[in-house]
Amino acid sequence: MTDLTINNAEDLKAEILRLRHLKEEQGEALKARFSSPGAAISSLMTVFPKGSKYDIFHQDFLGLISRIVLPLTLNKTLFRNSNFLVKGLVGFLSQKASHFVSEDSVTGLWDKVKSLFDKKKAKQEDFGIPPESEAS
């Protein structure tokens, strides 16, 4: 996108014509992409890549559980009074997000939270008088 300054009506008309031409080109490209049912289905199937590392059969236990629990929890709590389309979108996005939930990510998050509390506990410890400073 160029940073075009419009100074007069002629510049505005030229920009409107350019944008209309760009709209027509993009419309033709979309028509070509969705020209047949097979092309439309293949375009939609790009959302679900084949053989990727996010395959349902190659997830660990927490990933499989999150595929079920995450959409149900969101739809029953935050999106309780939402319509069908919103709940469907939430379900779809949470299915995609469940690929990022794994045992490694959960244990890493747990370790980070645990280390925050360990640091606070270490600061509160009283070491008392060091043994080297006692008089014999």
N, C-alpha and C. Protein backbone atom coordinates (compact mmCIF):
# COMPACT_ATOMS: atom_id res chain seq x y z
N MET A 1 0.85 -1.17 0.00
CA MET A 1 0.00 0.00 0.00
C MET A 1 0.89 1.22 0.00
N THR A 2 0.68 2.06 -0.98
CA THR A 2 1.46 3.29 -1.06
C THR A 2 0.79 4.37 -0.25
N ASP A 3 1.59 5.28 0.23
CA ASP A 3 1.07 6.39 1.00
C ASP A 3 0.78 7.52 0.02
N LEU A 4 -0.43 7.52 -0.51
CA LEU A 4 -0.81 8.47 -1.55
C LEU A 4 -1.54 9.64 -0.93
N THR A 5 -1.11 10.84 -1.29
CA THR A 5 -1.81 12.03 -0.82
C THR A 5 -2.73 12.51 -1.92
N ILE A 6 -3.94 12.82 -1.55
CA ILE A 6 -4.94 13.30 -2.50
C ILE A 6 -5.11 14.79 -2.26
N ASN A 7 -4.79 15.58 -3.30
CA ASN A 7 -4.80 17.02 -3.15
C ASN A 7 -6.03 17.67 -3.78
N ASN A 8 -6.60 17.03 -4.79
CA ASN A 8 -7.75 17.64 -5.46
C ASN A 8 -8.72 16.55 -5.90
N ALA A 9 -9.78 16.98 -6.58
CA ALA A 9 -10.84 16.06 -7.00
C ALA A 9 -10.34 15.08 -8.06
N GLU A 10 -9.42 15.51 -8.90
CA GLU A 10 -8.90 14.62 -9.95
C GLU A 10 -8.11 13.46 -9.34
N ASP A 11 -7.32 13.76 -8.32
CA ASP A 11 -6.58 12.70 -7.62
C ASP A 11 -7.54 11.72 -6.96
N LEU A 12 -8.62 12.24 -6.40
CA LEU A 12 -9.61 11.39 -5.75
C LEU A 12 -10.29 10.48 -6.77
N LYS A 13 -10.66 11.02 -7.92
CA LYS A 13 -11.30 10.22 -8.96
C LYS A 13 -10.35 9.15 -9.49
N ALA A 14 -9.08 9.51 -9.65
CA ALA A 14 -8.10 8.53 -10.12
C ALA A 14 -7.91 7.41 -9.11
N GLU A 15 -7.90 7.75 -7.82
CA GLU A 15 -7.76 6.72 -6.77
C GLU A 15 -9.00 5.83 -6.72
N ILE A 16 -10.18 6.40 -6.88
CA ILE A 16 -11.41 5.61 -6.90
C ILE A 16 -11.39 4.64 -8.08
N LEU A 17 -10.96 5.09 -9.25
CA LEU A 17 -10.88 4.21 -10.42
C LEU A 17 -9.86 3.09 -10.19
N ARG A 18 -8.73 3.42 -9.56
CA ARG A 18 -7.71 2.41 -9.28
C ARG A 18 -8.25 1.35 -8.32
N LEU A 19 -8.97 1.80 -7.29
CA LEU A 19 -9.52 0.86 -6.31
C LEU A 19 -10.62 -0.01 -6.93
N ARG A 20 -11.43 0.56 -7.82
CA ARG A 20 -12.46 -0.24 -8.50
C ARG A 20 -11.82 -1.30 -9.38
N HIS A 21 -10.75 -0.92 -10.07
CA HIS A 21 -10.05 -1.88 -10.92
C HIS A 21 -9.43 -3.00 -10.07
N LEU A 22 -8.85 -2.63 -8.94
CA LEU A 22 -8.27 -3.61 -8.03
C LEU A 22 -9.35 -4.55 -7.48
N LYS A 23 -10.53 -4.00 -7.18
CA LYS A 23 -11.64 -4.81 -6.69
C LYS A 23 -12.08 -5.81 -7.75
N GLU A 24 -12.15 -5.39 -9.00
CA GLU A 24 -12.54 -6.30 -10.08
C GLU A 24 -11.51 -7.41 -10.26
N GLU A 25 -10.23 -7.08 -10.19
CA GLU A 25 -9.18 -8.09 -10.32
C GLU A 25 -9.26 -9.11 -9.20
N GLN A 26 -9.46 -8.64 -7.97
CA GLN A 26 -9.55 -9.57 -6.84
C GLN A 26 -10.81 -10.41 -6.92
N GLY A 27 -11.91 -9.83 -7.42
CA GLY A 27 -13.14 -10.60 -7.60
C GLY A 27 -12.96 -11.70 -8.63
N GLU A 28 -12.25 -11.42 -9.72
CA GLU A 28 -11.99 -12.43 -10.74
C GLU A 28 -11.09 -13.54 -10.19
N ALA A 29 -10.12 -13.16 -9.37
CA ALA A 29 -9.24 -14.16 -8.76
C ALA A 29 -10.02 -15.08 -7.82
N LEU A 30 -10.96 -14.51 -7.05
CA LEU A 30 -11.79 -15.33 -6.17
C LEU A 30 -12.72 -16.24 -6.96
N LYS A 31 -13.28 -15.73 -8.05
CA LYS A 31 -14.15 -16.57 -8.88
C LYS A 31 -13.37 -17.73 -9.47
N ALA A 32 -12.13 -17.48 -9.87
CA ALA A 32 -11.31 -18.55 -10.42
C ALA A 32 -10.98 -19.58 -9.34
N ARG A 33 -10.76 -19.11 -8.13
CA ARG A 33 -10.41 -20.04 -7.05
C ARG A 33 -11.59 -20.92 -6.65
N PHE A 34 -12.79 -20.36 -6.68
CA PHE A 34 -13.99 -21.10 -6.29
C PHE A 34 -14.87 -21.41 -7.50
N SER A 35 -14.27 -21.68 -8.64
CA SER A 35 -15.04 -21.89 -9.86
C SER A 35 -15.80 -23.21 -9.86
N SER A 36 -15.28 -24.22 -9.21
CA SER A 36 -15.97 -25.51 -9.19
C SER A 36 -16.10 -25.98 -7.74
N PRO A 37 -17.01 -26.94 -7.49
CA PRO A 37 -17.14 -27.44 -6.12
C PRO A 37 -15.85 -28.09 -5.61
N GLY A 38 -15.14 -28.76 -6.49
CA GLY A 38 -13.87 -29.38 -6.07
C GLY A 38 -12.85 -28.34 -5.66
N ALA A 39 -12.81 -27.22 -6.38
CA ALA A 39 -11.87 -26.15 -6.04
C ALA A 39 -12.25 -25.51 -4.71
N ALA A 40 -13.55 -25.34 -4.47
CA ALA A 40 -14.00 -24.76 -3.21
C ALA A 40 -13.67 -25.68 -2.03
N ILE A 41 -13.89 -26.97 -2.22
CA ILE A 41 -13.60 -27.92 -1.14
C ILE A 41 -12.10 -28.00 -0.87
N SER A 42 -11.31 -27.98 -1.93
CA SER A 42 -9.86 -28.02 -1.72
C SER A 42 -9.36 -26.76 -1.03
N SER A 43 -9.99 -25.62 -1.31
CA SER A 43 -9.62 -24.39 -0.62
C SER A 43 -9.96 -24.47 0.86
N LEU A 44 -11.12 -25.05 1.15
CA LEU A 44 -11.51 -25.19 2.56
C LEU A 44 -10.66 -26.23 3.27
N MET A 45 -10.19 -27.23 2.56
CA MET A 45 -9.38 -28.27 3.18
C MET A 45 -7.97 -27.79 3.54
N THR A 46 -7.58 -26.63 3.03
CA THR A 46 -6.27 -26.10 3.42
C THR A 46 -6.26 -25.69 4.88
N VAL A 47 -7.46 -25.54 5.49
CA VAL A 47 -7.54 -25.25 6.92
C VAL A 47 -7.10 -26.47 7.72
N PHE A 48 -7.32 -27.67 7.16
CA PHE A 48 -6.96 -28.91 7.83
C PHE A 48 -5.80 -29.55 7.08
N PRO A 49 -4.57 -29.18 7.39
CA PRO A 49 -3.43 -29.73 6.66
C PRO A 49 -3.25 -31.22 6.92
N LYS A 50 -2.84 -31.93 5.87
CA LYS A 50 -2.61 -33.38 5.99
C LYS A 50 -1.17 -33.63 6.42
N GLY A 51 -1.00 -34.61 7.26
CA GLY A 51 0.34 -35.05 7.64
C GLY A 51 1.12 -34.04 8.45
N SER A 52 0.44 -33.11 9.08
CA SER A 52 1.18 -32.14 9.88
C SER A 52 1.43 -32.71 11.27
N LYS A 53 2.21 -31.98 12.05
CA LYS A 53 2.50 -32.45 13.40
C LYS A 53 1.29 -32.27 14.32
N TYR A 54 0.24 -31.60 13.83
CA TYR A 54 -0.95 -31.37 14.63
C TYR A 54 -2.05 -32.39 14.33
N ASP A 55 -1.67 -33.59 13.99
CA ASP A 55 -2.62 -34.64 13.70
C ASP A 55 -3.24 -35.13 15.01
N ILE A 56 -4.52 -35.47 14.96
CA ILE A 56 -5.23 -35.90 16.18
C ILE A 56 -4.65 -37.19 16.75
N PHE A 57 -4.11 -38.04 15.91
CA PHE A 57 -3.61 -39.32 16.38
C PHE A 57 -2.19 -39.23 16.95
N HIS A 58 -1.56 -38.07 16.83
CA HIS A 58 -0.21 -37.92 17.34
C HIS A 58 -0.15 -36.92 18.49
N GLN A 59 -1.28 -36.73 19.18
CA GLN A 59 -1.31 -35.85 20.33
C GLN A 59 -1.16 -36.68 21.60
N ASP A 60 -0.70 -36.02 22.64
CA ASP A 60 -0.61 -36.71 23.92
C ASP A 60 -1.97 -36.63 24.64
N PHE A 61 -2.01 -37.16 25.84
CA PHE A 61 -3.26 -37.28 26.58
C PHE A 61 -3.90 -35.93 26.86
N LEU A 62 -3.11 -34.96 27.32
CA LEU A 62 -3.66 -33.63 27.63
C LEU A 62 -4.18 -32.93 26.38
N GLY A 63 -3.52 -33.13 25.24
CA GLY A 63 -3.99 -32.53 23.99
C GLY A 63 -5.33 -33.09 23.58
N LEU A 64 -5.52 -34.40 23.74
CA LEU A 64 -6.80 -35.02 23.39
C LEU A 64 -7.90 -34.57 24.34
N ILE A 65 -7.60 -34.47 25.63
CA ILE A 65 -8.59 -34.01 26.60
C ILE A 65 -8.97 -32.56 26.33
N SER A 66 -7.99 -31.72 25.99
CA SER A 66 -8.28 -30.31 25.74
C SER A 66 -9.12 -30.11 24.49
N ARG A 67 -9.07 -31.05 23.54
CA ARG A 67 -9.92 -30.94 22.36
C ARG A 67 -11.40 -31.04 22.72
N ILE A 68 -11.70 -31.71 23.82
CA ILE A 68 -13.09 -31.88 24.25
C ILE A 68 -13.46 -30.85 25.32
N VAL A 69 -12.58 -30.70 26.31
CA VAL A 69 -12.90 -29.87 27.46
C VAL A 69 -12.89 -28.38 27.13
N LEU A 70 -11.95 -27.93 26.33
CA LEU A 70 -11.83 -26.51 26.03
C LEU A 70 -13.08 -25.94 25.34
N PRO A 71 -13.59 -26.55 24.26
CA PRO A 71 -14.81 -25.99 23.66
C PRO A 71 -16.03 -26.07 24.58
N LEU A 72 -16.18 -27.18 25.30
CA LEU A 72 -17.33 -27.31 26.20
C LEU A 72 -17.28 -26.26 27.31
N THR A 73 -16.10 -26.06 27.86
CA THR A 73 -15.97 -25.09 28.95
C THR A 73 -16.26 -23.68 28.47
N LEU A 74 -15.70 -23.31 27.33
CA LEU A 74 -15.93 -21.96 26.81
C LEU A 74 -17.40 -21.74 26.46
N ASN A 75 -18.03 -22.73 25.83
CA ASN A 75 -19.43 -22.56 25.42
C ASN A 75 -20.38 -22.58 26.61
N LYS A 76 -20.03 -23.25 27.69
CA LYS A 76 -20.91 -23.30 28.86
C LYS A 76 -20.70 -22.12 29.80
N THR A 77 -19.56 -21.44 29.72
CA THR A 77 -19.29 -20.35 30.66
C THR A 77 -19.31 -18.99 29.97
N LEU A 78 -18.32 -18.70 29.17
CA LEU A 78 -18.19 -17.36 28.58
C LEU A 78 -19.21 -17.08 27.48
N PHE A 79 -19.53 -18.08 26.69
CA PHE A 79 -20.41 -17.88 25.54
C PHE A 79 -21.75 -18.59 25.75
N ARG A 80 -22.30 -18.50 26.94
CA ARG A 80 -23.52 -19.22 27.29
C ARG A 80 -24.70 -18.75 26.46
N ASN A 81 -24.90 -17.45 26.29
CA ASN A 81 -26.07 -16.93 25.59
C ASN A 81 -25.75 -16.54 24.16
N SER A 82 -24.71 -17.08 23.59
CA SER A 82 -24.33 -16.76 22.22
C SER A 82 -25.12 -17.60 21.23
N ASN A 83 -25.11 -17.14 19.98
CA ASN A 83 -25.85 -17.87 18.95
C ASN A 83 -25.02 -19.04 18.41
N PHE A 84 -25.62 -19.77 17.50
CA PHE A 84 -25.02 -20.98 16.95
C PHE A 84 -23.70 -20.69 16.24
N LEU A 85 -23.65 -19.60 15.47
CA LEU A 85 -22.43 -19.29 14.71
C LEU A 85 -21.26 -18.97 15.62
N VAL A 86 -21.52 -18.22 16.69
CA VAL A 86 -20.44 -17.88 17.63
C VAL A 86 -19.94 -19.13 18.33
N LYS A 87 -20.87 -19.99 18.74
CA LYS A 87 -20.46 -21.23 19.42
C LYS A 87 -19.69 -22.15 18.48
N GLY A 88 -20.11 -22.18 17.22
CA GLY A 88 -19.38 -22.98 16.23
C GLY A 88 -17.99 -22.44 15.99
N LEU A 89 -17.86 -21.13 15.91
CA LEU A 89 -16.55 -20.50 15.72
C LEU A 89 -15.65 -20.73 16.93
N VAL A 90 -16.22 -20.62 18.12
CA VAL A 90 -15.45 -20.88 19.34
C VAL A 90 -14.99 -22.33 19.37
N GLY A 91 -15.87 -23.24 18.99
CA GLY A 91 -15.50 -24.65 18.95
C GLY A 91 -14.38 -24.91 17.96
N PHE A 92 -14.48 -24.31 16.77
CA PHE A 92 -13.46 -24.50 15.75
C PHE A 92 -12.12 -23.94 16.20
N LEU A 93 -12.12 -22.71 16.73
CA LEU A 93 -10.87 -22.09 17.16
C LEU A 93 -10.26 -22.80 18.36
N SER A 94 -11.09 -23.28 19.26
CA SER A 94 -10.53 -23.99 20.41
C SER A 94 -10.00 -25.36 20.00
N GLN A 95 -10.58 -25.96 18.96
CA GLN A 95 -10.01 -27.21 18.44
C GLN A 95 -8.62 -26.95 17.88
N LYS A 96 -8.47 -25.84 17.16
CA LYS A 96 -7.16 -25.48 16.62
C LYS A 96 -6.18 -25.14 17.74
N ALA A 97 -6.66 -24.46 18.77
CA ALA A 97 -5.77 -24.07 19.88
C ALA A 97 -5.37 -25.26 20.73
N SER A 98 -6.17 -26.32 20.71
CA SER A 98 -5.84 -27.48 21.55
C SER A 98 -4.57 -28.18 21.08
N HIS A 99 -4.13 -27.91 19.87
CA HIS A 99 -2.89 -28.52 19.39
C HIS A 99 -1.68 -27.98 20.14
N PHE A 100 -1.83 -26.80 20.72
CA PHE A 100 -0.71 -26.20 21.43
C PHE A 100 -0.66 -26.61 22.90
N VAL A 101 -1.69 -27.33 23.34
CA VAL A 101 -1.71 -27.82 24.72
C VAL A 101 -1.11 -29.23 24.72
N SER A 102 -0.01 -29.38 25.39
CA SER A 102 0.62 -30.69 25.51
C SER A 102 1.15 -30.85 26.92
N GLU A 103 1.61 -32.03 27.23
CA GLU A 103 2.16 -32.27 28.56
C GLU A 103 3.38 -31.39 28.81
N ASP A 104 4.17 -31.18 27.77
CA ASP A 104 5.37 -30.34 27.92
C ASP A 104 5.00 -28.90 28.23
N SER A 105 4.00 -28.36 27.53
CA SER A 105 3.62 -26.97 27.76
C SER A 105 2.99 -26.79 29.14
N VAL A 106 2.19 -27.76 29.58
CA VAL A 106 1.56 -27.66 30.90
C VAL A 106 2.60 -27.78 32.00
N THR A 107 3.54 -28.72 31.87
CA THR A 107 4.58 -28.85 32.90
C THR A 107 5.50 -27.63 32.90
N GLY A 108 5.77 -27.07 31.73
CA GLY A 108 6.58 -25.85 31.68
C GLY A 108 5.90 -24.68 32.36
N LEU A 109 4.59 -24.54 32.13
CA LEU A 109 3.84 -23.48 32.79
C LEU A 109 3.79 -23.71 34.30
N TRP A 110 3.59 -24.95 34.71
CA TRP A 110 3.55 -25.29 36.13
C TRP A 110 4.89 -24.98 36.80
N ASP A 111 5.98 -25.30 36.13
CA ASP A 111 7.31 -25.02 36.69
C ASP A 111 7.55 -23.52 36.83
N LYS A 112 7.07 -22.73 35.86
CA LYS A 112 7.23 -21.27 35.95
C LYS A 112 6.46 -20.71 37.13
N VAL A 113 5.22 -21.16 37.31
CA VAL A 113 4.41 -20.68 38.42
C VAL A 113 5.02 -21.12 39.75
N LYS A 114 5.50 -22.35 39.79
CA LYS A 114 6.12 -22.87 41.00
C LYS A 114 7.39 -22.11 41.35
N SER A 115 8.17 -21.74 40.34
CA SER A 115 9.40 -21.00 40.60
C SER A 115 9.12 -19.60 41.12
N LEU A 116 8.00 -19.01 40.75
CA LEU A 116 7.65 -17.70 41.29
C LEU A 116 7.41 -17.78 42.80
N PHE A 117 6.72 -18.83 43.23
CA PHE A 117 6.48 -18.99 44.66
C PHE A 117 7.73 -19.40 45.42
N ASP A 118 8.61 -20.15 44.78
CA ASP A 118 9.86 -20.54 45.43
C ASP A 118 10.75 -19.33 45.66
N LYS A 119 10.76 -18.38 44.73
CA LYS A 119 11.57 -17.17 44.90
C LYS A 119 11.05 -16.35 46.06
N LYS A 120 9.73 -16.24 46.19
CA LYS A 120 9.16 -15.48 47.30
C LYS A 120 9.49 -16.14 48.64
N LYS A 121 9.45 -17.46 48.66
CA LYS A 121 9.75 -18.19 49.89
C LYS A 121 11.23 -18.03 50.24
N ALA A 122 12.12 -18.03 49.26
CA ALA A 122 13.56 -17.90 49.53
C ALA A 122 13.88 -16.51 50.08
N LYS A 123 13.15 -15.49 49.66
CA LYS A 123 13.40 -14.14 50.17
C LYS A 123 12.94 -14.00 51.62
N GLN A 124 11.97 -14.79 52.03
CA GLN A 124 11.43 -14.67 53.39
C GLN A 124 12.24 -15.46 54.41
N GLU A 125 13.13 -16.32 53.98
CA GLU A 125 13.88 -17.13 54.93
C GLU A 125 14.82 -16.26 55.77
N ASP A 126 14.92 -16.59 57.05
CA ASP A 126 15.81 -15.89 57.96
C ASP A 126 17.02 -16.78 58.20
N PHE A 127 18.17 -16.29 57.81
CA PHE A 127 19.36 -17.11 57.93
C PHE A 127 20.00 -17.02 59.32
N GLY A 128 19.60 -16.05 60.10
CA GLY A 128 20.14 -15.93 61.45
C GLY A 128 21.57 -15.44 61.45
N ILE A 129 22.28 -15.81 62.47
CA ILE A 129 23.68 -15.40 62.60
C ILE A 129 24.53 -16.42 61.89
N PRO A 130 25.40 -15.95 61.01
CA PRO A 130 26.28 -16.90 60.31
C PRO A 130 27.21 -17.59 61.29
N PRO A 131 27.52 -18.87 61.05
CA PRO A 131 28.36 -19.62 62.01
C PRO A 131 29.77 -19.06 62.13
N GLU A 132 30.30 -18.39 61.12
CA GLU A 132 31.67 -17.86 61.20
C GLU A 132 31.77 -16.66 62.13
N SER A 133 30.62 -16.00 62.38
CA SER A 133 30.67 -14.78 63.19
C SER A 133 30.56 -15.04 64.68
N GLU A 134 30.31 -16.29 65.10
CA GLU A 134 30.18 -16.58 66.51
C GLU A 134 31.56 -16.59 67.18
N ALA A 135 31.59 -16.09 68.38
CA ALA A 135 32.86 -16.05 69.13
C ALA A 135 33.06 -17.40 69.81
N SER A 136 34.30 -17.87 69.79
CA SER A 136 34.56 -19.16 70.43
C SER A 136 35.25 -18.99 71.76
